[in-house]
Amino acid sequence: MLIEVSEPDVAEALAVVDGIDKALRRAGVRRPMLVHGCDATVWRFVALAAERRWSTRVGLEDGKTLPNGATAAGNSALVAAATAAFAARNR
């Protein structure tokens, strides 16, 4: 299941994702989940995906900044940062 939330506010976006997740669980839906954000929510959603063992995706079409706020040199830099976030979470 793809959860794609367009809320620009991080707290509101997280609330929407949680609501969707709860509704799917109540309905008995047990599928792999993928969540991704745009701009302000990209890195919080990467962290959420790592926490919940969901999938995610990142790319320049979603956001151009790295977690430290620097502008990414390209998609590979974003993917490397997301991979590092997952590795750190799953140690």
C-alpha atoms as a PDB file:
ATOM      1  CA  MET A   1       0.000   0.000   0.000  1.00  0.00           C
ATOM      2  CA  LEU A   2       1.280   3.432  -0.888  1.00  0.00           C
ATOM      3  CA  ILE A   3       0.627   6.219   1.555  1.00  0.00           C
ATOM      4  CA  GLU A   4       1.267   9.509  -0.188  1.00  0.00           C
ATOM      5  CA  VAL A   5       0.317  12.525   1.880  1.00  0.00           C
ATOM      6  CA  SER A   6       0.418  16.041   0.491  1.00  0.00           C
ATOM      7  CA  GLU A   7       0.032  17.908   3.785  1.00  0.00           C
ATOM      8  CA  PRO A   8       2.952  20.364   4.023  1.00  0.00           C
ATOM      9  CA  ASP A   9       2.791  20.557   7.834  1.00  0.00           C
ATOM     10  CA  VAL A  10       4.780  17.695   9.372  1.00  0.00           C
ATOM     11  CA  ALA A  11       2.482  17.187  12.380  1.00  0.00           C
ATOM     12  CA  GLU A  12      -0.642  17.178  10.212  1.00  0.00           C
ATOM     13  CA  ALA A  13       0.987  14.830   7.688  1.00  0.00           C
ATOM     14  CA  LEU A  14       1.955  12.401  10.458  1.00  0.00           C
ATOM     15  CA  ALA A  15      -1.605  12.486  11.794  1.00  0.00           C
ATOM     16  CA  VAL A  16      -2.945  11.635   8.334  1.00  0.00           C
ATOM     17  CA  VAL A  17      -0.510   8.730   7.962  1.00  0.00           C
ATOM     18  CA  ASP A  18      -1.411   7.406  11.414  1.00  0.00           C
ATOM     19  CA  GLY A  19      -5.114   7.654  10.579  1.00  0.00           C
ATOM     20  CA  ILE A  20      -4.649   5.747   7.332  1.00  0.00           C
ATOM     21  CA  ASP A  21      -2.544   3.089   9.075  1.00  0.00           C
ATOM     22  CA  LYS A  22      -5.136   2.625  11.838  1.00  0.00           C
ATOM     23  CA  ALA A  23      -8.009   2.410   9.342  1.00  0.00           C
ATOM     24  CA  LEU A  24      -6.172  -0.214   7.298  1.00  0.00           C
ATOM     25  CA  ARG A  25      -5.335  -2.258  10.394  1.00  0.00           C
ATOM     26  CA  ARG A  26      -8.963  -2.108  11.623  1.00  0.00           C
ATOM     27  CA  ALA A  27     -10.064  -3.335   8.197  1.00  0.00           C
ATOM     28  CA  GLY A  28      -7.646  -6.236   8.451  1.00  0.00           C
ATOM     29  CA  VAL A  29      -5.439  -5.042   5.608  1.00  0.00           C
ATOM     30  CA  ARG A  30      -1.971  -6.490   6.056  1.00  0.00           C
ATOM     31  CA  ARG A  31       0.139  -5.401   3.109  1.00  0.00           C
ATOM     32  CA  PRO A  32       3.638  -3.973   2.795  1.00  0.00           C
ATOM     33  CA  MET A  33       3.491  -0.223   3.307  1.00  0.00           C
ATOM     34  CA  LEU A  34       5.368   2.535   1.488  1.00  0.00           C
ATOM     35  CA  VAL A  35       5.270   6.110   2.713  1.00  0.00           C
ATOM     36  CA  HIS A  36       7.007   9.107   1.224  1.00  0.00           C
ATOM     37  CA  GLY A  37       6.858  12.800   1.740  1.00  0.00           C
ATOM     38  CA  CYS A  38       7.495  16.013  -0.090  1.00  0.00           C
ATOM     39  CA  ASP A  39       9.801  18.828   0.987  1.00  0.00           C
ATOM     40  CA  ALA A  40       9.268  19.337   4.750  1.00  0.00           C
ATOM     41  CA  THR A  41       7.998  15.798   5.346  1.00  0.00           C
ATOM     42  CA  VAL A  42      10.615  13.826   3.376  1.00  0.00           C
ATOM     43  CA  TRP A  43      13.039  13.071   6.203  1.00  0.00           C
ATOM     44  CA  ARG A  44      10.401  12.649   8.891  1.00  0.00           C
ATOM     45  CA  PHE A  45       8.685  10.079   6.670  1.00  0.00           C
ATOM     46  CA  VAL A  46      12.008   8.328   6.031  1.00  0.00           C
ATOM     47  CA  ALA A  47      12.421   8.084   9.815  1.00  0.00           C
ATOM     48  CA  LEU A  48       8.839   6.859  10.194  1.00  0.00           C
ATOM     49  CA  ALA A  49       9.381   4.193   7.546  1.00  0.00           C
ATOM     50  CA  ALA A  50      12.529   3.020   9.327  1.00  0.00           C
ATOM     51  CA  GLU A  51      10.727   2.966  12.703  1.00  0.00           C
ATOM     52  CA  ARG A  52       7.772   0.969  11.396  1.00  0.00           C
ATOM     53  CA  ARG A  53       9.788  -1.206   9.022  1.00  0.00           C
ATOM     54  CA  TRP A  54       7.913   0.196   6.024  1.00  0.00           C
ATOM     55  CA  SER A  55       9.333   1.074   2.637  1.00  0.00           C
ATOM     56  CA  THR A  56       9.983   4.605   1.458  1.00  0.00           C
ATOM     57  CA  ARG A  57      11.380   6.418  -1.521  1.00  0.00           C
ATOM     58  CA  VAL A  58      13.313   9.619  -1.993  1.00  0.00           C
ATOM     59  CA  GLY A  59      14.308  11.640  -5.006  1.00  0.00           C
ATOM     60  CA  LEU A  60      14.739  15.144  -6.273  1.00  0.00           C
ATOM     61  CA  GLU A  61      11.067  15.235  -7.277  1.00  0.00           C
ATOM     62  CA  ASP A  62      10.192  14.943  -3.567  1.00  0.00           C
ATOM     63  CA  GLY A  63      12.773  17.264  -2.052  1.00  0.00           C
ATOM     64  CA  LYS A  64      16.180  18.653  -2.830  1.00  0.00           C
ATOM     65  CA  THR A  65      17.657  18.891   0.652  1.00  0.00           C
ATOM     66  CA  LEU A  66      19.543  16.385   2.742  1.00  0.00           C
ATOM     67  CA  PRO A  67      18.688  15.811   6.415  1.00  0.00           C
ATOM     68  CA  ASN A  68      21.277  18.444   7.416  1.00  0.00           C
ATOM     69  CA  GLY A  69      19.603  21.052   5.172  1.00  0.00           C
ATOM     70  CA  ALA A  70      22.291  21.055   2.479  1.00  0.00           C
ATOM     71  CA  THR A  71      21.176  20.838  -1.142  1.00  0.00           C
ATOM     72  CA  ALA A  72      21.652  17.328  -2.507  1.00  0.00           C
ATOM     73  CA  ALA A  73      24.019  16.927  -5.450  1.00  0.00           C
ATOM     74  CA  GLY A  74      21.599  14.428  -6.978  1.00  0.00           C
ATOM     75  CA  ASN A  75      19.310  11.485  -6.352  1.00  0.00           C
ATOM     76  CA  SER A  76      22.195   9.276  -5.258  1.00  0.00           C
ATOM     77  CA  ALA A  77      22.975  11.614  -2.355  1.00  0.00           C
ATOM     78  CA  LEU A  78      19.345  11.465  -1.210  1.00  0.00           C
ATOM     79  CA  VAL A  79      19.259   7.677  -1.473  1.00  0.00           C
ATOM     80  CA  ALA A  80      22.541   7.393   0.450  1.00  0.00           C
ATOM     81  CA  ALA A  81      21.132   9.586   3.238  1.00  0.00           C
ATOM     82  CA  ALA A  82      17.926   7.525   3.423  1.00  0.00           C
ATOM     83  CA  THR A  83      19.922   4.285   3.462  1.00  0.00           C
ATOM     84  CA  ALA A  84      22.057   5.654   6.299  1.00  0.00           C
ATOM     85  CA  ALA A  85      18.909   6.578   8.244  1.00  0.00           C
ATOM     86  CA  PHE A  86      17.591   3.023   7.904  1.00  0.00           C
ATOM     87  CA  ALA A  87      20.947   1.513   8.848  1.00  0.00           C
ATOM     88  CA  ALA A  88      21.199   3.722  11.953  1.00  0.00           C
ATOM     89  CA  ARG A  89      17.674   2.846  13.038  1.00  0.00           C
ATOM     90  CA  ASN A  90      18.102  -0.893  12.558  1.00  0.00           C
ATOM     91  CA  ARG A  91      21.398  -1.364  14.439  1.00  0.00           C
END
